[in-house]
Amino acid sequence: MKFSLAVAFLATASAFSPAFHTQPRVALTPDVEVCTDVQSHRTRRSTIVMDGKANAIRDRIKSVNNTRKITMAMKLVAAAKVRRAQDSVLATRPFSETLQSVFGGLINRLGGEAVDLPLLTKREVKKVTLVVITGDRGLCGGYNAQMIKKAEARVKELGDQGIDYELVLIGNKGITYFERRGYNIAETMPIGQNPTAKQANEISEKLLAGYLSGESDTVELLYTKFVNLISSTPSVRTLVPLSATDIAVEEDEIFQLTSESGEFSVEKTTKEAAEPQEFPNDMIFEQDPTQILNAILPLYINGQVLRTMQESVASELAARMNAMQSASDNAKELSKNLTQVYNRARQAAVTQEILEIVAGASAVES
């Protein structure tokens, strides 16, 4: 029995290395020989003969690991773009604060006088312009789907009330979706990864032209409100007509992406409304304060459009970061499970070979 086990062990080593047969040999019996070059036997690497299933698993593990590298790179790219979007928001804040301060000072200067401005006057709503902001690309979780679902719900709500609508679509994903389904679309344009003041001004001019001409009675912005890196909320706000009180007391929120211990996080800072600028009683305006307000309001609307576009882009990038992180985690888990399956298949193949060798040795002995 001991002799048969020794023969099986030597035969197993022979099966793992074709080079084993080329070494010097000594005869144990007329039918069995063993290698005498012990040093070369110790340093020789074994060759495992794998079946097709194990090779396929090994190739899949390699593919999954490559995919994980790609998703991690996409996460880091999205994080860099979030920082860029954050810097853009901070760059526009001084102008928004000054505009809000001047507006509040003019409202206080007018006192209790009724301000008769077209952009502040509410009228009977017969038609609503919905500005829907989505992304240009996918791979960002449910970001685009949630915004599209919100827009469809708002269109249905207006239809139930007997109010007509038109869509101004910003972002290729929303454009593709609504065009295929025959919605009433007035304007379309991509959003890009870095919205500019020129782009926002072009949009706001078209919206104001339609409102002042009477083609639309209300303009609503449907955008994704940035909450944190984990979540964002589809929101609706009325852009026109404006409320003088809301403009004067509107607070602002600033989000800053930071990294601590290798993990990304967001710091949220709430800024109170800018203090109204004080105008002396003896100050003489070359133009009537009402006319100045009428000139300021389009600038305010332009700033709000730009801000909502920047916030939507930041929400999209945060959603893409989360999606790529989830994809990377899933790829890591899948690679781990496949490695276990691969090791079991490899072990099963080796065990099967050993059994066959032992069986053959036993047959030779008998």
Protein backbone atom coordinates (compact mmCIF):
# COMPACT_ATOMS: atom_id res chain seq x y z
CA MET A 1 0.00 0.00 0.00
CA LYS A 2 2.83 2.41 0.88
CA PHE A 3 4.50 1.57 -2.39
CA SER A 4 1.32 2.37 -4.37
CA LEU A 5 0.98 5.76 -2.64
CA ALA A 6 4.60 6.60 -3.47
CA VAL A 7 4.00 5.67 -7.07
CA ALA A 8 0.84 7.84 -7.15
CA PHE A 9 2.76 10.85 -5.72
CA LEU A 10 5.55 10.51 -8.26
CA ALA A 11 3.05 10.05 -11.07
CA THR A 12 1.20 13.20 -9.94
CA ALA A 13 4.42 15.24 -10.11
CA SER A 14 5.03 13.79 -13.56
CA ALA A 15 1.56 14.86 -14.70
CA PHE A 16 2.13 18.46 -13.50
CA SER A 17 5.43 18.85 -15.37
CA PRO A 18 6.16 17.44 -18.81
CA ALA A 19 9.85 18.24 -18.23
CA PHE A 20 9.98 15.64 -15.45
CA HIS A 21 10.66 12.83 -17.92
CA THR A 22 13.81 14.49 -19.26
CA GLN A 23 15.69 14.30 -15.92
CA PRO A 24 18.08 11.46 -14.91
CA ARG A 25 16.12 8.43 -13.65
CA VAL A 26 16.79 5.36 -11.53
CA ALA A 27 14.76 2.16 -11.69
CA LEU A 28 12.80 1.08 -8.62
CA THR A 29 11.19 -1.86 -10.38
CA PRO A 30 11.24 -2.99 -13.97
CA ASP A 31 8.07 -0.92 -14.54
CA VAL A 32 8.69 2.17 -12.36
CA GLU A 33 11.42 4.84 -12.51
CA VAL A 34 11.92 8.00 -10.42
CA CYS A 35 13.85 11.20 -11.02
CA THR A 36 17.18 11.61 -9.20
CA ASP A 37 17.57 15.39 -9.81
CA VAL A 38 15.96 16.53 -6.53
CA GLN A 39 17.05 20.21 -6.80
CA SER A 40 15.47 20.71 -10.22
CA HIS A 41 12.33 19.01 -8.97
CA ARG A 42 12.01 21.53 -6.11
CA THR A 43 12.48 24.61 -8.28
CA ARG A 44 10.29 23.45 -11.14
CA ARG A 45 6.86 25.16 -11.50
CA SER A 46 3.89 22.87 -11.87
CA THR A 47 1.68 23.07 -14.92
CA ILE A 48 -2.03 22.66 -14.23
CA VAL A 49 -4.10 21.40 -17.11
CA MET A 50 -7.36 23.41 -16.93
CA ASP A 51 -10.64 22.54 -18.57
CA GLY A 52 -12.65 24.99 -20.69
CA LYS A 53 -14.92 26.03 -17.82
CA ALA A 54 -12.03 27.16 -15.61
CA ASN A 55 -10.42 29.08 -18.46
CA ALA A 56 -13.71 30.87 -19.17
CA ILE A 57 -14.03 31.85 -15.50
CA ARG A 58 -10.47 33.14 -15.46
CA ASP A 59 -11.14 35.30 -18.54
CA ARG A 60 -14.30 36.66 -16.95
CA ILE A 61 -12.43 37.59 -13.76
CA LYS A 62 -9.95 39.55 -15.85
CA SER A 63 -12.79 41.30 -17.71
CA VAL A 64 -14.57 42.23 -14.45
CA ASN A 65 -11.37 43.65 -12.97
CA ASN A 66 -10.80 45.77 -16.08
CA THR A 67 -14.37 47.06 -15.87
CA ARG A 68 -13.82 47.99 -12.22
CA LYS A 69 -10.78 50.05 -13.16
CA ILE A 70 -12.87 51.94 -15.74
CA THR A 71 -15.73 52.68 -13.31
CA MET A 72 -13.31 53.92 -10.64
CA ALA A 73 -11.69 56.23 -13.19
CA MET A 74 -15.12 57.57 -14.20
CA LYS A 75 -15.93 58.24 -10.55
CA LEU A 76 -12.77 60.30 -10.11
CA VAL A 77 -13.48 62.23 -13.32
CA ALA A 78 -17.00 63.03 -12.08
CA ALA A 79 -15.57 64.20 -8.74
CA ALA A 80 -13.20 66.59 -10.54
CA LYS A 81 -16.12 67.99 -12.54
CA VAL A 82 -18.16 68.46 -9.36
CA ARG A 83 -15.38 70.66 -8.02
CA ARG A 84 -15.42 72.67 -11.23
CA ALA A 85 -19.20 73.13 -11.00
CA GLN A 86 -18.77 74.19 -7.37
CA ASP A 87 -16.24 76.84 -8.37
CA SER A 88 -18.65 78.15 -11.04
CA VAL A 89 -21.42 78.57 -8.46
CA LEU A 90 -19.11 80.42 -6.08
CA ALA A 91 -17.94 82.70 -8.90
CA THR A 92 -21.51 83.87 -9.64
CA ARG A 93 -22.50 84.44 -6.02
CA PRO A 94 -21.09 88.02 -5.59
CA PHE A 95 -23.18 89.22 -8.54
CA SER A 96 -26.31 87.54 -7.16
CA GLU A 97 -25.76 89.06 -3.71
CA THR A 98 -25.31 92.56 -5.12
CA LEU A 99 -28.38 92.20 -7.32
CA GLN A 100 -30.48 91.00 -4.39
CA SER A 101 -29.21 93.83 -2.18
CA VAL A 102 -30.02 96.53 -4.76
CA PHE A 103 -33.44 95.02 -5.41
CA GLY A 104 -34.28 94.95 -1.71
CA GLY A 105 -33.12 98.57 -1.30
CA LEU A 106 -35.32 99.74 -4.20
CA ILE A 107 -38.34 97.91 -2.80
CA ASN A 108 -37.79 99.61 0.58
CA ARG A 109 -37.34 102.98 -1.14
CA LEU A 110 -40.69 102.59 -2.88
CA GLY A 111 -42.26 101.78 0.50
CA GLY A 112 -45.86 100.75 0.29
CA GLU A 113 -46.31 101.87 -3.29
CA ALA A 114 -47.78 99.28 -5.59
CA VAL A 115 -45.16 98.17 -8.08
CA ASP A 116 -46.77 97.72 -11.47
CA LEU A 117 -44.30 95.64 -13.46
CA PRO A 118 -45.15 92.96 -16.03
CA LEU A 119 -42.79 90.42 -14.46
CA LEU A 120 -44.39 90.91 -11.04
CA THR A 121 -48.01 90.86 -12.20
CA LYS A 122 -49.97 87.64 -11.88
CA ARG A 123 -52.62 86.86 -14.46
CA GLU A 124 -55.07 84.10 -15.25
CA VAL A 125 -53.15 80.96 -16.19
CA LYS A 126 -54.16 79.47 -19.52
CA LYS A 127 -50.79 78.21 -20.71
CA VAL A 128 -47.66 77.18 -18.81
CA THR A 129 -44.11 76.94 -20.10
CA LEU A 130 -42.23 74.09 -18.45
CA VAL A 131 -38.42 74.31 -18.54
CA VAL A 132 -37.17 70.74 -18.00
CA ILE A 133 -33.46 70.32 -17.21
CA THR A 134 -31.94 66.86 -17.69
CA GLY A 135 -28.48 65.56 -18.53
CA ASP A 136 -26.78 64.98 -21.86
CA ARG A 137 -25.53 61.50 -20.97
CA GLY A 138 -26.48 58.42 -19.01
CA LEU A 139 -24.55 56.26 -16.52
CA CYS A 140 -25.83 58.42 -13.67
CA GLY A 141 -28.32 56.15 -11.94
CA GLY A 142 -31.91 57.37 -11.86
CA TYR A 143 -31.08 61.06 -12.32
CA ASN A 144 -32.64 61.50 -15.78
CA ALA A 145 -35.50 59.07 -15.16
CA GLN A 146 -36.62 60.92 -12.01
CA MET A 147 -36.63 64.29 -13.76
CA ILE A 148 -38.55 62.95 -16.76
CA LYS A 149 -41.07 61.31 -14.44
CA LYS A 150 -41.52 64.62 -12.58
CA ALA A 151 -42.12 66.48 -15.86
CA GLU A 152 -44.67 63.93 -17.05
CA ALA A 153 -46.53 64.17 -13.74
CA ARG A 154 -46.65 67.97 -14.03
CA VAL A 155 -47.91 67.80 -17.63
CA LYS A 156 -50.65 65.39 -16.55
CA GLU A 157 -51.59 67.65 -13.63
CA LEU A 158 -51.94 70.66 -15.94
CA GLY A 159 -53.97 68.59 -18.41
CA ASP A 160 -56.39 67.56 -15.66
CA GLN A 161 -56.90 71.26 -14.85
CA GLY A 162 -57.53 72.12 -18.51
CA ILE A 163 -54.34 74.20 -18.79
CA ASP A 164 -52.26 74.09 -21.95
CA TYR A 165 -48.47 73.62 -21.82
CA GLU A 166 -45.28 73.79 -23.84
CA LEU A 167 -41.88 72.30 -23.07
CA VAL A 168 -38.47 73.96 -23.18
CA LEU A 169 -36.04 71.06 -22.96
CA ILE A 170 -32.46 71.49 -21.75
CA GLY A 171 -30.40 68.29 -21.97
CA ASN A 172 -30.18 65.61 -24.65
CA LYS A 173 -31.76 62.85 -22.57
CA GLY A 174 -34.96 64.81 -22.05
CA ILE A 175 -34.99 65.93 -25.69
CA THR A 176 -34.76 62.35 -26.96
CA TYR A 177 -37.44 61.08 -24.59
CA PHE A 178 -40.10 63.74 -25.18
CA GLU A 179 -39.55 64.03 -28.94
CA ARG A 180 -40.22 60.33 -29.40
CA ARG A 181 -43.53 60.62 -27.54
CA GLY A 182 -44.98 63.59 -29.37
CA TYR A 183 -45.07 66.20 -26.60
CA ASN A 184 -45.55 69.89 -27.39
CA ILE A 185 -41.95 71.15 -27.53
CA ALA A 186 -41.09 74.82 -28.03
CA GLU A 187 -37.26 74.91 -27.66
CA THR A 188 -34.44 72.42 -27.18
CA MET A 189 -30.75 72.73 -26.38
CA PRO A 190 -28.01 70.64 -24.74
CA ILE A 191 -26.86 71.55 -21.25
CA GLY A 192 -23.18 70.57 -21.43
CA GLN A 193 -20.93 69.96 -18.43
CA ASN A 194 -20.21 73.61 -17.66
CA PRO A 195 -23.23 75.94 -18.17
CA THR A 196 -22.27 79.52 -18.97
CA ALA A 197 -23.93 82.91 -18.44
CA LYS A 198 -24.25 83.28 -22.22
CA GLN A 199 -26.18 80.02 -22.45
CA ALA A 200 -28.45 81.02 -19.55
CA ASN A 201 -29.03 84.46 -21.08
CA GLU A 202 -30.13 82.89 -24.36
CA ILE A 203 -32.66 80.72 -22.53
CA SER A 204 -34.01 83.50 -20.30
CA GLU A 205 -34.46 85.89 -23.24
CA LYS A 206 -36.65 83.35 -25.05
CA LEU A 207 -38.66 82.68 -21.90
CA LEU A 208 -39.22 86.38 -21.20
CA ALA A 209 -40.15 87.06 -24.82
CA GLY A 210 -42.82 84.37 -24.69
CA TYR A 211 -44.15 85.59 -21.34
CA LEU A 212 -44.24 89.30 -22.17
CA SER A 213 -45.90 88.62 -25.54
CA GLY A 214 -48.70 86.74 -23.83
CA GLU A 215 -47.89 83.35 -25.37
CA SER A 216 -47.40 81.94 -21.87
CA ASP A 217 -48.87 82.98 -18.54
CA THR A 218 -46.40 81.21 -16.23
CA VAL A 219 -42.88 79.85 -16.58
CA GLU A 220 -41.87 76.97 -14.31
CA LEU A 221 -38.40 75.49 -13.83
CA LEU A 222 -38.15 71.73 -13.33
CA TYR A 223 -34.65 70.92 -12.14
CA THR A 224 -32.83 68.60 -9.73
CA LYS A 225 -32.09 70.21 -6.38
CA PHE A 226 -28.71 69.17 -5.02
CA VAL A 227 -29.01 67.80 -1.47
CA ASN A 228 -25.78 65.85 -0.98
CA LEU A 229 -23.63 63.27 -2.74
CA ILE A 230 -26.11 60.55 -1.84
CA SER A 231 -29.39 62.14 -2.83
CA SER A 232 -30.92 64.87 -4.96
CA THR A 233 -34.54 65.94 -5.31
CA PRO A 234 -36.50 66.78 -8.50
CA SER A 235 -38.01 70.22 -7.81
CA VAL A 236 -40.40 72.69 -9.39
CA ARG A 237 -40.22 76.46 -8.93
CA THR A 238 -42.04 79.32 -10.58
CA LEU A 239 -39.67 81.54 -12.51
CA VAL A 240 -42.20 84.05 -13.84
CA PRO A 241 -44.20 85.88 -12.52
CA LEU A 242 -41.85 86.84 -9.71
CA SER A 243 -42.64 87.83 -6.15
CA ALA A 244 -40.86 90.94 -4.89
CA THR A 245 -40.97 89.66 -1.30
CA ASP A 246 -39.49 86.27 -2.19
CA ILE A 247 -36.60 87.88 -4.06
CA ALA A 248 -35.71 90.17 -1.19
CA VAL A 249 -35.65 87.44 1.50
CA GLU A 250 -34.46 84.43 -0.50
CA GLU A 251 -31.66 82.50 1.19
CA ASP A 252 -28.87 80.67 -0.61
CA GLU A 253 -27.13 77.34 -0.07
CA ILE A 254 -23.52 76.58 -1.00
CA PHE A 255 -22.15 73.06 -1.29
CA GLN A 256 -18.44 72.32 -1.22
CA LEU A 257 -16.99 68.93 -2.16
CA THR A 258 -14.25 67.83 0.23
CA SER A 259 -12.23 64.66 0.73
CA GLU A 260 -11.36 63.22 4.12
CA SER A 261 -9.60 59.90 4.78
CA GLY A 262 -9.87 59.08 1.11
CA GLU A 263 -13.68 59.51 1.06
CA PHE A 264 -15.65 62.26 -0.66
CA SER A 265 -18.10 64.35 1.36
CA VAL A 266 -20.07 67.59 0.97
CA GLU A 267 -20.10 70.56 3.31
CA LYS A 268 -23.33 72.53 3.21
CA THR A 269 -23.41 76.23 4.08
CA THR A 270 -26.60 78.31 4.24
CA LYS A 271 -26.20 81.96 3.38
CA GLU A 272 -28.79 84.40 4.60
CA ALA A 273 -30.40 86.87 2.23
CA ALA A 274 -28.26 89.89 1.40
CA GLU A 275 -29.08 92.98 3.42
CA PRO A 276 -31.07 95.57 1.40
CA GLN A 277 -28.88 98.40 0.23
CA GLU A 278 -29.70 101.69 1.93
CA PHE A 279 -30.38 104.62 -0.36
CA PRO A 280 -30.38 108.10 1.27
CA ASN A 281 -33.69 109.93 1.15
CA ASP A 282 -32.11 112.82 -0.70
CA MET A 283 -30.67 110.56 -3.42
CA ILE A 284 -32.00 111.48 -6.83
CA PHE A 285 -32.39 108.72 -9.40
CA GLU A 286 -31.92 109.64 -13.05
CA GLN A 287 -34.56 107.04 -13.81
CA ASP A 288 -37.65 106.14 -11.88
CA PRO A 289 -36.97 103.33 -9.36
CA THR A 290 -39.70 101.30 -11.01
CA GLN A 291 -37.83 101.45 -14.33
CA ILE A 292 -34.64 100.37 -12.58
CA LEU A 293 -36.50 97.41 -11.08
CA ASN A 294 -37.82 96.55 -14.52
CA ALA A 295 -34.22 96.44 -15.80
CA ILE A 296 -32.93 94.42 -12.83
CA LEU A 297 -35.54 91.67 -12.99
CA PRO A 298 -34.31 90.13 -16.30
CA LEU A 299 -30.82 89.97 -14.78
CA TYR A 300 -32.24 88.20 -11.75
CA ILE A 301 -34.09 85.70 -13.96
CA ASN A 302 -30.92 85.09 -15.95
CA GLY A 303 -29.04 84.38 -12.72
CA GLN A 304 -31.73 81.96 -11.53
CA VAL A 305 -31.66 80.02 -14.80
CA LEU A 306 -27.88 79.77 -14.62
CA ARG A 307 -27.99 78.69 -10.99
CA THR A 308 -30.55 75.93 -11.59
CA MET A 309 -28.55 74.65 -14.55
CA GLN A 310 -25.37 74.54 -12.46
CA GLU A 311 -27.20 72.81 -9.63
CA SER A 312 -28.65 70.24 -12.04
CA VAL A 313 -25.20 69.53 -13.47
CA ALA A 314 -23.78 69.11 -9.95
CA SER A 315 -26.63 66.69 -9.13
CA GLU A 316 -25.96 64.72 -12.32
CA LEU A 317 -22.25 64.43 -11.55
CA ALA A 318 -22.96 63.39 -7.96
CA ALA A 319 -25.38 60.75 -9.25
CA ARG A 320 -22.71 59.53 -11.67
CA MET A 321 -20.20 59.31 -8.81
CA ASN A 322 -22.62 57.15 -6.84
CA ALA A 323 -23.44 54.99 -9.86
CA MET A 324 -19.78 54.39 -10.65
CA GLN A 325 -19.00 53.66 -6.99
CA SER A 326 -21.83 51.11 -6.88
CA ALA A 327 -20.60 49.58 -10.14
CA SER A 328 -17.06 49.33 -8.74
CA ASP A 329 -18.31 47.71 -5.53
CA ASN A 330 -20.41 45.23 -7.50
CA ALA A 331 -17.47 44.42 -9.76
CA LYS A 332 -15.27 43.80 -6.71
CA GLU A 333 -17.85 41.47 -5.19
CA LEU A 334 -18.38 39.66 -8.49
CA SER A 335 -14.63 39.21 -8.92
CA LYS A 336 -14.40 37.75 -5.43
CA ASN A 337 -17.21 35.27 -6.09
CA LEU A 338 -15.79 34.28 -9.47
CA THR A 339 -12.37 33.73 -7.91
CA GLN A 340 -13.92 31.30 -5.44
CA VAL A 341 -15.68 29.45 -8.25
CA TYR A 342 -12.43 29.39 -10.24
CA ASN A 343 -10.48 27.99 -7.30
CA ARG A 344 -13.09 25.29 -6.72
CA ALA A 345 -13.03 24.33 -10.41
CA ARG A 346 -9.22 24.26 -10.36
CA GLN A 347 -9.16 22.15 -7.24
CA ALA A 348 -11.74 19.78 -8.67
CA ALA A 349 -9.65 19.33 -11.83
CA VAL A 350 -6.51 18.60 -9.84
CA THR A 351 -8.36 16.17 -7.58
CA GLN A 352 -9.80 14.38 -10.59
CA GLU A 353 -6.33 14.00 -12.11
CA ILE A 354 -4.93 12.62 -8.85
CA LEU A 355 -7.76 10.09 -8.63
CA GLU A 356 -7.15 8.99 -12.18
CA ILE A 357 -3.42 8.61 -11.52
CA VAL A 358 -4.01 6.62 -8.31
CA ALA A 359 -6.48 4.41 -10.11
CA GLY A 360 -4.00 3.83 -12.91
CA ALA A 361 -1.21 3.06 -10.47
CA SER A 362 -3.42 0.62 -8.61
CA ALA A 363 -4.27 -1.09 -11.86
CA VAL A 364 -0.57 -1.39 -12.78
CA GLU A 365 0.24 -2.81 -9.33
CA SER A 366 -2.45 -5.37 -9.54
